[in-house]
Protein backbone atom coordinates (compact mmCIF):
# COMPACT_ATOMS: atom_id res chain seq x y z
CA UNK A 1 71.51 -182.91 -145.20
CA UNK A 2 69.57 -179.67 -145.50
CA UNK A 3 68.89 -179.55 -141.84
CA UNK A 4 72.63 -179.77 -141.12
CA UNK A 5 73.69 -176.81 -143.17
CA UNK A 6 75.07 -173.88 -141.10
CA UNK A 7 75.71 -176.17 -138.03
CA UNK A 8 79.56 -176.20 -137.32
CA UNK A 9 81.00 -179.67 -137.54
CA UNK A 10 83.15 -181.11 -134.67
CA UNK A 11 86.63 -181.72 -135.71
CA UNK A 12 87.44 -184.98 -133.77
CA UNK A 13 91.03 -186.08 -133.39
CA UNK A 14 92.07 -189.71 -133.54
CA UNK A 15 90.70 -191.84 -130.65
CA UNK A 16 92.93 -191.61 -127.59
CA UNK A 17 93.24 -194.69 -125.64
CA UNK A 18 96.19 -193.59 -123.35
CA UNK A 19 95.73 -194.58 -119.76
CA UNK A 20 98.00 -193.49 -117.03
CA UNK A 21 99.89 -196.18 -115.28
CA UNK A 22 98.86 -197.04 -111.60
CA UNK A 23 102.20 -195.70 -110.43
CA UNK A 24 101.53 -192.37 -111.99
CA UNK A 25 98.04 -192.14 -110.60
CA UNK A 26 99.37 -192.86 -107.12
CA UNK A 27 102.00 -190.05 -107.58
CA UNK A 28 99.13 -187.66 -108.75
CA UNK A 29 97.16 -188.46 -105.66
CA UNK A 30 100.07 -187.58 -103.47
CA UNK A 31 100.44 -184.26 -105.34
CA UNK A 32 96.84 -183.28 -104.98
CA UNK A 33 97.24 -182.18 -101.30
CA UNK A 34 97.01 -178.43 -101.06
CA UNK A 35 96.70 -175.70 -98.35
CA UNK A 36 93.09 -176.83 -97.85
CA UNK A 37 94.31 -180.13 -96.40
CA UNK A 38 96.02 -178.48 -93.39
CA UNK A 39 95.23 -179.30 -89.83
CA UNK A 40 93.81 -176.11 -88.41
CA UNK A 41 90.90 -178.22 -87.00
CA UNK A 42 92.87 -181.61 -87.35
CA UNK A 43 90.12 -182.83 -89.64
CA UNK A 44 89.85 -183.38 -93.33
CA UNK A 45 87.53 -181.07 -95.13
CA UNK A 46 84.59 -182.94 -96.31
CA UNK A 47 83.49 -182.45 -99.89
CA UNK A 48 80.42 -180.09 -99.93
CA UNK A 49 77.56 -180.76 -102.25
CA UNK A 50 74.95 -178.18 -103.19
CA UNK A 51 71.24 -177.90 -103.35
CA UNK A 52 68.62 -175.32 -103.91
CA UNK A 53 68.29 -172.19 -101.63
CA UNK A 54 67.45 -173.38 -98.00
CA UNK A 55 64.92 -171.44 -95.94
CA UNK A 56 65.54 -170.18 -92.40
CA UNK A 57 65.54 -172.73 -89.53
CA UNK A 58 64.15 -172.07 -86.06
CA UNK A 59 66.09 -169.20 -84.24
CA UNK A 60 68.66 -169.95 -81.82
CA UNK A 61 71.13 -167.91 -79.65
CA UNK A 62 74.05 -166.46 -81.50
CA UNK A 63 76.94 -168.44 -80.03
CA UNK A 64 80.08 -169.08 -81.96
CA UNK A 65 80.92 -172.65 -83.20
CA UNK A 66 83.91 -173.66 -81.06
CA UNK A 67 86.80 -175.48 -82.70
CA UNK A 68 86.25 -178.62 -80.61
CA UNK A 69 82.52 -178.63 -81.36
CA UNK A 70 80.97 -180.60 -84.17
CA UNK A 71 79.53 -178.20 -86.64
CA UNK A 72 79.03 -180.28 -89.78
CA UNK A 73 75.28 -180.29 -89.73
CA UNK A 74 75.20 -184.05 -89.36
CA UNK A 75 71.47 -184.02 -89.20
CA UNK A 76 71.23 -183.23 -92.96
CA UNK A 77 71.55 -185.88 -95.66
CA UNK A 78 74.22 -185.41 -98.14
CA UNK A 79 73.06 -184.68 -101.57
CA UNK A 80 73.83 -187.65 -103.74
CA UNK A 81 76.02 -187.16 -106.81
CA UNK A 82 74.27 -187.74 -110.14
CA UNK A 83 75.04 -190.94 -112.01
CA UNK A 84 77.11 -189.33 -114.75
CA UNK A 85 76.89 -190.88 -118.24
CA UNK A 86 80.13 -189.20 -119.45
CA UNK A 87 83.10 -187.14 -118.34
CA UNK A 88 84.59 -184.23 -120.17
CA UNK A 89 87.93 -182.25 -119.73
CA UNK A 90 88.22 -178.88 -121.44
CA UNK A 91 91.42 -176.87 -121.74
CA UNK A 92 90.07 -173.50 -122.39
CA UNK A 93 91.61 -170.68 -124.47
CA UNK A 94 90.62 -167.45 -125.96
CA UNK A 95 89.49 -168.58 -129.52
CA UNK A 96 89.55 -172.40 -129.45
CA UNK A 97 89.08 -174.83 -126.62
CA UNK A 98 90.51 -178.50 -126.64
CA UNK A 99 88.22 -181.13 -125.13
CA UNK A 100 88.67 -184.78 -124.11
CA UNK A 101 85.77 -187.02 -123.16
CA UNK A 102 84.95 -190.54 -122.27
CA UNK A 103 82.02 -192.62 -121.52
CA UNK A 104 81.34 -193.52 -117.91
CA UNK A 105 81.54 -197.20 -118.76
CA UNK A 106 84.78 -197.08 -120.74
CA UNK A 107 88.30 -195.88 -120.52
CA UNK A 108 88.58 -194.94 -124.20
CA UNK A 109 89.06 -191.25 -124.74
CA UNK A 110 88.33 -189.01 -127.74
CA UNK A 111 89.62 -185.51 -128.17
CA UNK A 112 88.82 -182.50 -130.38
CA UNK A 113 88.66 -178.69 -130.68
CA UNK A 114 85.75 -176.36 -130.01
CA UNK A 115 85.57 -172.86 -131.35
CA UNK A 116 84.51 -170.18 -128.91
CA UNK A 117 81.28 -169.20 -130.46
CA UNK A 118 77.73 -169.58 -129.11
CA UNK A 119 76.69 -171.52 -132.21
CA UNK A 120 79.63 -173.89 -132.01
CA UNK A 121 79.07 -174.54 -128.31
CA UNK A 122 75.35 -175.24 -128.96
CA UNK A 123 76.30 -177.73 -131.59
CA UNK A 124 78.96 -179.33 -129.39
CA UNK A 125 76.55 -179.85 -126.43
CA UNK A 126 73.94 -181.09 -128.85
CA UNK A 127 76.54 -183.71 -129.99
CA UNK A 128 77.31 -184.61 -126.49
CA UNK A 129 73.61 -185.19 -125.62
CA UNK A 130 72.97 -187.29 -128.67
CA UNK A 131 76.21 -189.30 -128.08
CA UNK A 132 75.57 -190.08 -124.39
CA UNK A 133 71.76 -190.23 -124.17
CA UNK A 134 70.80 -186.71 -122.57
CA UNK A 135 72.07 -187.92 -119.10
CA UNK A 136 74.08 -185.87 -116.65
CA UNK A 137 77.65 -185.19 -117.93
CA UNK A 138 80.51 -183.97 -115.65
CA UNK A 139 82.81 -181.23 -117.15
CA UNK A 140 86.13 -180.22 -115.60
CA UNK A 141 87.55 -176.73 -116.56
CA UNK A 142 90.09 -174.48 -115.07
CA UNK A 143 87.68 -171.70 -114.58
CA UNK A 144 85.12 -170.75 -112.05
CA UNK A 145 84.01 -167.64 -114.00
CA UNK A 146 84.58 -166.51 -117.54
CA UNK A 147 82.93 -166.59 -120.91
CA UNK A 148 83.16 -170.39 -121.36
CA UNK A 149 81.83 -171.15 -117.94
CA UNK A 150 78.91 -168.81 -118.32
CA UNK A 151 78.17 -170.28 -121.64
CA UNK A 152 78.10 -173.84 -120.38
CA UNK A 153 76.08 -173.13 -117.30
CA UNK A 154 72.85 -172.63 -119.21
CA UNK A 155 72.90 -176.35 -120.16
CA UNK A 156 71.14 -178.41 -117.49
CA UNK A 157 72.84 -181.72 -118.44
CA UNK A 158 76.29 -180.22 -117.79
CA UNK A 159 77.63 -180.33 -114.26
CA UNK A 160 80.78 -178.19 -113.99
CA UNK A 161 83.73 -178.97 -111.81
CA UNK A 162 86.19 -176.05 -111.58
CA UNK A 163 89.77 -177.35 -111.25
CA UNK A 164 92.26 -175.03 -109.49
CA UNK A 165 95.19 -174.18 -111.76
CA UNK A 166 97.65 -175.05 -109.07
CA UNK A 167 96.18 -178.54 -108.73
CA UNK A 168 96.51 -179.27 -112.44
CA UNK A 169 99.92 -177.67 -112.62
CA UNK A 170 101.22 -179.85 -109.66
CA UNK A 171 99.70 -182.98 -111.34
CA UNK A 172 101.33 -182.05 -114.65
CA UNK A 173 104.69 -181.47 -113.06
CA UNK A 174 104.50 -184.89 -111.37
CA UNK A 175 103.47 -186.84 -114.31
CA UNK A 176 105.54 -185.00 -116.97
CA UNK A 177 108.82 -183.96 -115.11
CA UNK A 178 110.32 -182.88 -118.47
CA UNK A 179 108.01 -179.83 -118.43
CA UNK A 180 106.37 -180.79 -121.69
CA UNK A 181 102.93 -179.11 -122.16
CA UNK A 182 100.32 -178.96 -124.80
CA UNK A 183 96.55 -178.40 -124.99
CA UNK A 184 95.43 -181.96 -125.75
CA UNK A 185 97.56 -183.37 -122.98
CA UNK A 186 96.12 -180.74 -120.59
CA UNK A 187 92.64 -181.71 -121.58
CA UNK A 188 93.46 -185.38 -120.88
CA UNK A 189 94.86 -184.36 -117.54
CA UNK A 190 91.68 -182.52 -116.63
CA UNK A 191 89.65 -185.51 -117.58
CA UNK A 192 91.78 -187.80 -115.55
CA UNK A 193 91.49 -185.57 -112.48
CA UNK A 194 87.67 -185.45 -112.95
CA UNK A 195 87.45 -189.26 -113.21
CA UNK A 196 89.80 -190.32 -110.42
CA UNK A 197 89.88 -187.36 -108.03
CA UNK A 198 86.33 -185.84 -108.26
CA UNK A 199 86.13 -186.08 -104.51
CA UNK A 200 88.75 -183.35 -104.27
CA UNK A 201 86.67 -180.98 -106.43
CA UNK A 202 83.65 -178.90 -105.66
CA UNK A 203 80.80 -179.07 -108.19
CA UNK A 204 79.87 -175.51 -109.36
CA UNK A 205 76.23 -174.84 -108.34
CA UNK A 206 75.51 -171.07 -108.43
CA UNK A 207 73.34 -169.45 -105.84
CA UNK A 208 69.85 -168.28 -106.56
CA UNK A 209 69.24 -165.35 -108.85
CA UNK A 210 68.79 -162.81 -106.10
CA UNK A 211 72.06 -163.73 -104.55
CA UNK A 212 73.98 -163.85 -107.90
CA UNK A 213 72.72 -160.44 -108.60
CA UNK A 214 74.33 -159.10 -105.29
CA UNK A 215 77.50 -161.00 -105.88
CA UNK A 216 77.98 -159.68 -109.38
CA UNK A 217 77.17 -156.14 -108.42
CA UNK A 218 79.50 -155.92 -105.32
CA UNK A 219 82.34 -157.52 -107.33
CA UNK A 220 81.88 -155.06 -110.18
CA UNK A 221 81.72 -152.21 -107.73
CA UNK A 222 85.02 -153.34 -106.10
CA UNK A 223 86.74 -153.40 -109.56
CA UNK A 224 85.60 -149.80 -110.22
CA UNK A 225 86.81 -148.77 -106.73
CA UNK A 226 90.28 -150.37 -107.42
CA UNK A 227 90.41 -148.62 -110.83
CA UNK A 228 89.50 -145.24 -109.16
CA UNK A 229 92.33 -145.76 -106.72
CA UNK A 230 94.78 -146.54 -109.42
CA UNK A 231 93.76 -143.49 -111.41
CA UNK A 232 93.87 -141.36 -108.25
CA UNK A 233 97.35 -142.49 -107.42
CA UNK A 234 98.38 -141.67 -110.99
CA UNK A 235 96.87 -138.19 -110.68
CA UNK A 236 98.65 -137.50 -107.34
CA UNK A 237 101.93 -138.68 -108.79
CA UNK A 238 101.54 -136.25 -111.76
CA UNK A 239 100.50 -133.29 -109.66
CA UNK A 240 103.37 -133.71 -107.29
CA UNK A 241 105.73 -133.18 -110.23
CA UNK A 242 104.33 -129.87 -111.63
CA UNK A 243 101.33 -128.75 -109.67
CA UNK A 244 101.78 -129.80 -105.93
CA UNK A 245 99.60 -126.96 -104.58
CA UNK A 246 96.46 -128.88 -105.58
CA UNK A 247 97.22 -131.42 -102.85
CA UNK A 248 97.23 -128.62 -100.25
CA UNK A 249 94.16 -126.80 -101.52
CA UNK A 250 91.88 -129.86 -101.77
CA UNK A 251 91.74 -132.54 -98.97
CA UNK A 252 90.36 -135.11 -101.42
CA UNK A 253 91.03 -135.31 -105.17
CA UNK A 254 88.50 -137.91 -105.96
CA UNK A 255 85.57 -135.54 -106.10
CA UNK A 256 83.60 -134.03 -108.88
CA UNK A 257 84.79 -130.55 -107.72
CA UNK A 258 88.44 -131.45 -108.32
CA UNK A 259 87.77 -133.06 -111.67
CA UNK A 260 85.86 -130.00 -112.95
CA UNK A 261 88.68 -127.76 -111.59
CA UNK A 262 91.48 -129.68 -113.30
CA UNK A 263 89.58 -129.92 -116.58
CA UNK A 264 89.33 -126.17 -116.72
CA UNK A 265 92.75 -125.27 -115.24
CA UNK A 266 95.15 -128.26 -115.43
CA UNK A 267 98.24 -126.13 -114.64
CA UNK A 268 99.17 -123.34 -112.28
CA UNK A 269 100.11 -121.06 -115.04
CA UNK A 270 96.58 -121.30 -116.62
CA UNK A 271 94.91 -120.83 -113.27
CA UNK A 272 96.84 -117.66 -112.42
CA UNK A 273 95.92 -116.15 -115.74
CA UNK A 274 92.20 -116.22 -115.01
CA UNK A 275 90.48 -113.34 -113.24
CA UNK A 276 89.89 -113.98 -109.46
CA UNK A 277 86.12 -113.39 -109.98
CA UNK A 278 85.91 -116.26 -112.34
CA UNK A 279 87.58 -118.74 -109.88
CA UNK A 280 85.29 -117.48 -107.04
CA UNK A 281 82.29 -117.98 -109.24
CA UNK A 282 83.40 -121.52 -109.93
CA UNK A 283 83.65 -122.41 -106.31
CA UNK A 284 80.44 -120.63 -105.43
CA UNK A 285 78.42 -122.63 -107.94
CA UNK A 286 79.74 -125.93 -106.78
CA UNK A 287 80.22 -125.72 -103.03
CA UNK A 288 77.68 -123.18 -101.83
CA UNK A 289 78.53 -121.19 -98.76
CA UNK A 290 82.22 -121.83 -98.11
CA UNK A 291 83.41 -118.34 -98.10
CA UNK A 292 86.44 -118.67 -95.73
CA UNK A 293 87.71 -121.78 -97.60
CA UNK A 294 87.28 -120.05 -100.95
CA UNK A 295 89.26 -116.98 -99.71
CA UNK A 296 92.00 -119.12 -98.42
CA UNK A 297 92.31 -120.94 -101.68
CA UNK A 298 92.28 -117.67 -103.54
CA UNK A 299 95.04 -116.33 -101.50
CA UNK A 300 97.05 -119.54 -102.09
CA UNK A 301 96.50 -119.24 -105.81
CA UNK A 302 97.80 -115.65 -105.92
CA UNK A 303 100.88 -116.54 -103.95
CA UNK A 304 101.82 -119.99 -105.54
CA UNK A 305 105.11 -120.43 -107.24
CA UNK A 306 105.62 -122.97 -110.14
CA UNK A 307 107.20 -126.19 -108.90
CA UNK A 308 109.28 -126.63 -112.12
CA UNK A 309 110.29 -124.73 -115.20
CA UNK A 310 110.80 -127.60 -117.62
CA UNK A 311 108.13 -126.85 -120.36
CA UNK A 312 108.49 -130.36 -121.83
CA UNK A 313 107.46 -132.07 -118.58
CA UNK A 314 104.63 -129.59 -117.88
CA UNK A 315 103.10 -129.90 -121.35
CA UNK A 316 102.96 -133.72 -121.14
CA UNK A 317 101.50 -133.79 -117.56
CA UNK A 318 99.02 -131.01 -118.09
CA UNK A 319 97.64 -132.76 -121.26
CA UNK A 320 97.10 -136.03 -119.44
CA UNK A 321 95.78 -134.65 -116.20
CA UNK A 322 92.35 -133.58 -117.78
CA UNK A 323 92.00 -137.00 -119.09
CA UNK A 324 92.59 -138.63 -115.76
CA UNK A 325 90.01 -136.14 -114.29
CA UNK A 326 87.37 -137.30 -116.88
CA UNK A 327 88.06 -140.91 -116.01
CA UNK A 328 87.80 -140.27 -112.29
CA UNK A 329 84.38 -138.46 -112.88
CA UNK A 330 83.06 -141.40 -114.82
CA UNK A 331 84.28 -143.89 -112.27
CA UNK A 332 82.62 -141.89 -109.48
CA UNK A 333 79.33 -141.92 -111.40
CA UNK A 334 79.63 -145.65 -112.07
CA UNK A 335 80.29 -146.39 -108.47
CA UNK A 336 77.23 -144.24 -107.49
CA UNK A 337 75.03 -146.15 -110.00
CA UNK A 338 76.29 -149.50 -108.65
CA UNK A 339 75.60 -148.41 -105.06
CA UNK A 340 71.97 -147.66 -106.02
CA UNK A 341 71.66 -151.02 -107.79
CA UNK A 342 73.14 -152.86 -104.83
CA UNK A 343 70.85 -151.09 -102.35
CA UNK A 344 67.85 -152.24 -104.55
CA UNK A 345 69.16 -155.83 -104.69
CA UNK A 346 69.93 -156.29 -100.92
CA UNK A 347 66.58 -154.86 -99.82
CA UNK A 348 64.83 -157.47 -101.93
CA UNK A 349 67.10 -160.23 -100.60
CA UNK A 350 65.46 -162.35 -97.80
CA UNK A 351 68.84 -162.83 -95.93
CA UNK A 352 70.06 -159.31 -95.94
CA UNK A 353 68.72 -158.56 -92.42
CA UNK A 354 71.29 -161.05 -91.04
CA UNK A 355 74.31 -159.08 -92.46
CA UNK A 356 72.76 -155.67 -91.94
CA UNK A 357 72.66 -156.34 -88.26
CA UNK A 358 76.42 -156.94 -87.98
CA UNK A 359 78.44 -154.13 -86.16
CA UNK A 360 80.51 -152.18 -88.52
CA UNK A 361 79.16 -153.70 -91.82
CA UNK A 362 77.45 -150.65 -93.15
CA UNK A 363 76.01 -150.04 -96.53
CA UNK A 364 79.28 -151.13 -98.36
CA UNK A 365 80.41 -154.29 -96.47
CA UNK A 366 77.02 -155.88 -95.54
CA UNK A 367 76.14 -156.64 -99.18
CA UNK A 368 79.73 -158.07 -99.61
CA UNK A 369 79.22 -160.38 -96.64
CA UNK A 370 75.89 -161.46 -98.03
CA UNK A 371 77.69 -162.22 -101.27
CA UNK A 372 80.46 -164.26 -99.40
CA UNK A 373 78.01 -166.56 -97.62
CA UNK A 374 75.45 -166.89 -100.52
CA UNK A 375 72.09 -168.64 -100.31
CA UNK A 376 73.00 -172.32 -100.05
CA UNK A 377 73.16 -173.30 -96.40
CA UNK A 378 74.72 -176.69 -97.14
CA UNK A 379 77.55 -175.31 -99.25
CA UNK A 380 79.88 -175.24 -96.19
CA UNK A 381 79.84 -178.14 -93.72
CA UNK A 382 81.21 -175.90 -90.89
CA UNK A 383 82.46 -172.45 -90.22
CA UNK A 384 85.99 -173.78 -90.51
CA UNK A 385 85.43 -174.28 -94.25
CA UNK A 386 84.44 -170.66 -94.63
CA UNK A 387 87.57 -169.61 -92.72
CA UNK A 388 89.78 -171.61 -95.01
CA UNK A 389 88.02 -170.75 -98.32
CA UNK A 390 88.10 -167.06 -97.51
CA UNK A 391 91.79 -167.12 -96.64
CA UNK A 392 91.16 -166.02 -92.95
CA UNK A 393 92.45 -169.32 -91.54
CA UNK A 394 96.14 -169.86 -91.56
CA UNK A 395 97.98 -172.81 -93.10
CA UNK A 396 99.94 -175.32 -91.05
CA UNK A 397 103.01 -177.15 -92.65
CA UNK A 398 104.62 -179.98 -90.79
CA UNK A 399 107.78 -182.02 -91.80
CA UNK A 400 109.42 -184.01 -89.15
CA UNK A 401 110.04 -181.80 -86.09
CA UNK A 402 109.56 -178.64 -88.12
CA UNK A 403 106.10 -176.86 -88.02
CA UNK A 404 105.26 -173.61 -89.74
CA UNK A 405 102.03 -171.77 -89.47
CA UNK A 406 101.69 -169.11 -92.11
CA UNK A 407 99.39 -166.76 -93.98
CA UNK A 408 97.08 -168.37 -96.57
CA UNK A 409 98.00 -167.32 -100.09
CA UNK A 410 95.73 -169.50 -102.28
CA UNK A 411 92.21 -168.19 -101.58
CA UNK A 412 89.62 -165.80 -102.88
CA UNK A 413 91.17 -162.41 -102.44
CA UNK A 414 87.84 -160.66 -102.56
CA UNK A 415 86.40 -162.61 -99.74
CA UNK A 416 89.44 -162.31 -97.69
CA UNK A 417 89.40 -158.59 -98.14
CA UNK A 418 85.70 -158.35 -97.37
CA UNK A 419 86.14 -160.24 -94.01
CA UNK A 420 89.24 -158.42 -93.04
CA UNK A 421 87.78 -154.90 -93.76
CA UNK A 422 84.63 -155.62 -91.84
CA UNK A 423 86.51 -157.10 -88.83
CA UNK A 424 88.55 -153.85 -88.68
CA UNK A 425 85.39 -151.67 -88.84
CA UNK A 426 83.74 -153.83 -86.16
CA UNK A 427 86.35 -152.93 -83.57
CA UNK A 428 84.79 -149.49 -83.08
CA UNK A 429 81.25 -150.78 -83.05
CA UNK A 430 81.38 -154.02 -80.95
CA UNK A 431 82.42 -154.22 -77.29
CA UNK A 432 83.79 -157.75 -77.36
CA UNK A 433 85.51 -157.18 -80.67
CA UNK A 434 87.36 -154.22 -79.37
CA UNK A 435 88.36 -156.26 -76.26
CA UNK A 436 89.53 -159.14 -78.35
CA UNK A 437 91.57 -156.89 -80.66
CA UNK A 438 93.19 -155.12 -77.71
CA UNK A 439 94.06 -158.49 -76.16
CA UNK A 440 95.72 -159.67 -79.32
CA UNK A 441 97.84 -156.49 -79.61
CA UNK A 442 98.86 -156.85 -75.91
CA UNK A 443 100.12 -160.34 -76.86
CA UNK A 444 102.52 -158.85 -79.44
CA UNK A 445 100.31 -159.46 -82.46
CA UNK A 446 100.62 -156.93 -85.37
CA UNK A 447 97.51 -154.95 -86.38
CA UNK A 448 96.69 -157.06 -89.42
CA UNK A 449 97.30 -160.24 -87.60
CA UNK A 450 95.05 -159.18 -84.86
CA UNK A 451 92.28 -158.19 -87.31
CA UNK A 452 92.55 -161.52 -89.07
CA UNK A 453 92.10 -163.26 -85.68
CA UNK A 454 89.11 -161.23 -84.95
CA UNK A 455 87.73 -162.13 -88.43
CA UNK A 456 88.37 -165.81 -87.66
CA UNK A 457 86.07 -165.39 -84.61
CA UNK A 458 83.46 -163.44 -86.38
CA UNK A 459 83.04 -165.98 -89.11
CA UNK A 460 82.01 -168.57 -86.57
CA UNK A 461 79.44 -166.32 -85.19
CA UNK A 462 78.03 -165.15 -88.48
CA UNK A 463 77.98 -168.79 -89.78
CA UNK A 464 75.76 -169.79 -86.86
CA UNK A 465 73.41 -166.91 -87.53
CA UNK A 466 73.37 -167.49 -91.18
CA UNK A 467 72.61 -171.18 -90.59
CA UNK A 468 69.76 -170.36 -88.20
CA UNK A 469 68.49 -167.35 -90.12
CA UNK A 470 68.58 -164.88 -87.21
CA UNK A 471 69.96 -161.38 -86.95
CA UNK A 472 73.00 -160.64 -84.65
CA UNK A 473 72.33 -159.30 -81.09
CA UNK A 474 75.25 -157.90 -79.39
CA UNK A 475 73.74 -158.05 -75.89
CA UNK A 476 72.66 -161.59 -76.36
CA UNK A 477 76.14 -162.67 -77.32
CA UNK A 478 77.73 -160.81 -74.43
CA UNK A 479 75.32 -162.66 -72.18
CA UNK A 480 76.43 -166.00 -73.80
CA UNK A 481 80.11 -165.07 -73.38
CA UNK A 482 79.48 -164.17 -69.56
CA UNK A 483 77.64 -167.51 -69.03
CA UNK A 484 80.60 -169.49 -70.50
CA UNK A 485 82.99 -167.50 -68.37
CA UNK A 486 84.89 -165.99 -71.33
CA UNK A 487 87.99 -164.02 -70.54
CA UNK A 488 86.81 -161.33 -73.00
CA UNK A 489 84.18 -160.27 -70.48
CA UNK A 490 86.82 -159.38 -67.95
CA UNK A 491 88.97 -157.74 -70.61
CA UNK A 492 85.90 -155.64 -71.73
CA UNK A 493 85.00 -154.81 -68.13
CA UNK A 494 88.61 -153.54 -67.40
CA UNK A 495 88.67 -151.54 -70.53
CA UNK A 496 85.27 -149.97 -69.60
CA UNK A 497 86.52 -149.07 -66.13
CA UNK A 498 89.69 -147.45 -67.51
CA UNK A 499 87.60 -145.34 -69.83
């Protein structure tokens, strides 16, 4: 008993032997179809298994995988699924999680609660291992990231299966049309999905440490950039109200110069009360030799008129603006720090040369593309799976004589943004990409639709190079297009003549 002191006890609820009727299970299977079951390639997406980081294969020419070509790497053996000894469904929350488990050889279920504390999780996993004999255990949870997932990932016996929230919500709506919902029932539902429909889920197997470092850094950088954009828009909105001259004097407001300026003189009234020599000294110490620009600003300061006279509005805005300026400065410093760390991380990564060779990728987007593909070559069976998972591929809906092809909403927004931005930048750096974009615009496509189409093609090309472990070569790809008689060559040649 002494050894058990301090170890949190599991509060086990009464045994749950509820089993769904066969009719309910059939209805649930019908509800599991989602946007990933569309017919862009008229093939069902095969479930991808994961294994350790794969090395480069012999180099081959960078030729895109065509839609009608088989690109599922049929030469590789599928990694077999472990023979699980138990299955667990967890309905996570902030402070307490509800779990439901069952033995692999039984349909009897047990439920309970788990506090969100490292000590409680350690004791709970220990109980699982003692209960089921230290074998592999499958765990379903509605998270791919988060505190609970990161906490559970450190246990080798646990194999995590993230369940999309839309999938569980559709299943719940089909099985419980009344709309009733509670945590124990949701845990049972996740367990049922894991046991009966595991082939529709992807087992969570993280990339190697070098890749995870890049992935986490680029995602955090993007969050800081989005926060900087939000604060910048807020600052612009405030300045337009009471100090619009700042938007004319400075081309960019997200700079250290502007932040320092607004912290010292957050209103036109305070600025005009300062001696001209002090303002000139401020610019001279921060910008060096920009005499004409400084004189132009000084003239504007002396002639500026207040935008409003309402003291209550001015007082509130000029109090908040220096705070926003401080936030912007710290965000700029944080982004610069992350840029340095990302540079160090990608230089040490063995696959970075592939993405560094891509036209228009640059220092910001090449690491994001590396993070998007990862290190596991067998994660995706084909380029088409990458196109769907990233949200670049459209979704096809068919019902009777009706057919609708539309934008893919359910996807990783960060990945879609990465591919979309890079495809847009590649137009000015790649001859065939520019020709393809122009061709799509001539066919009546809007700008973003044409860029998504270009990203769709780029993913096929990058997927092939990523699989083969070779850098992109523009001249080699243009030669391959010419050999195939691609219409892009004639479009590119016509554009070159017109220039």
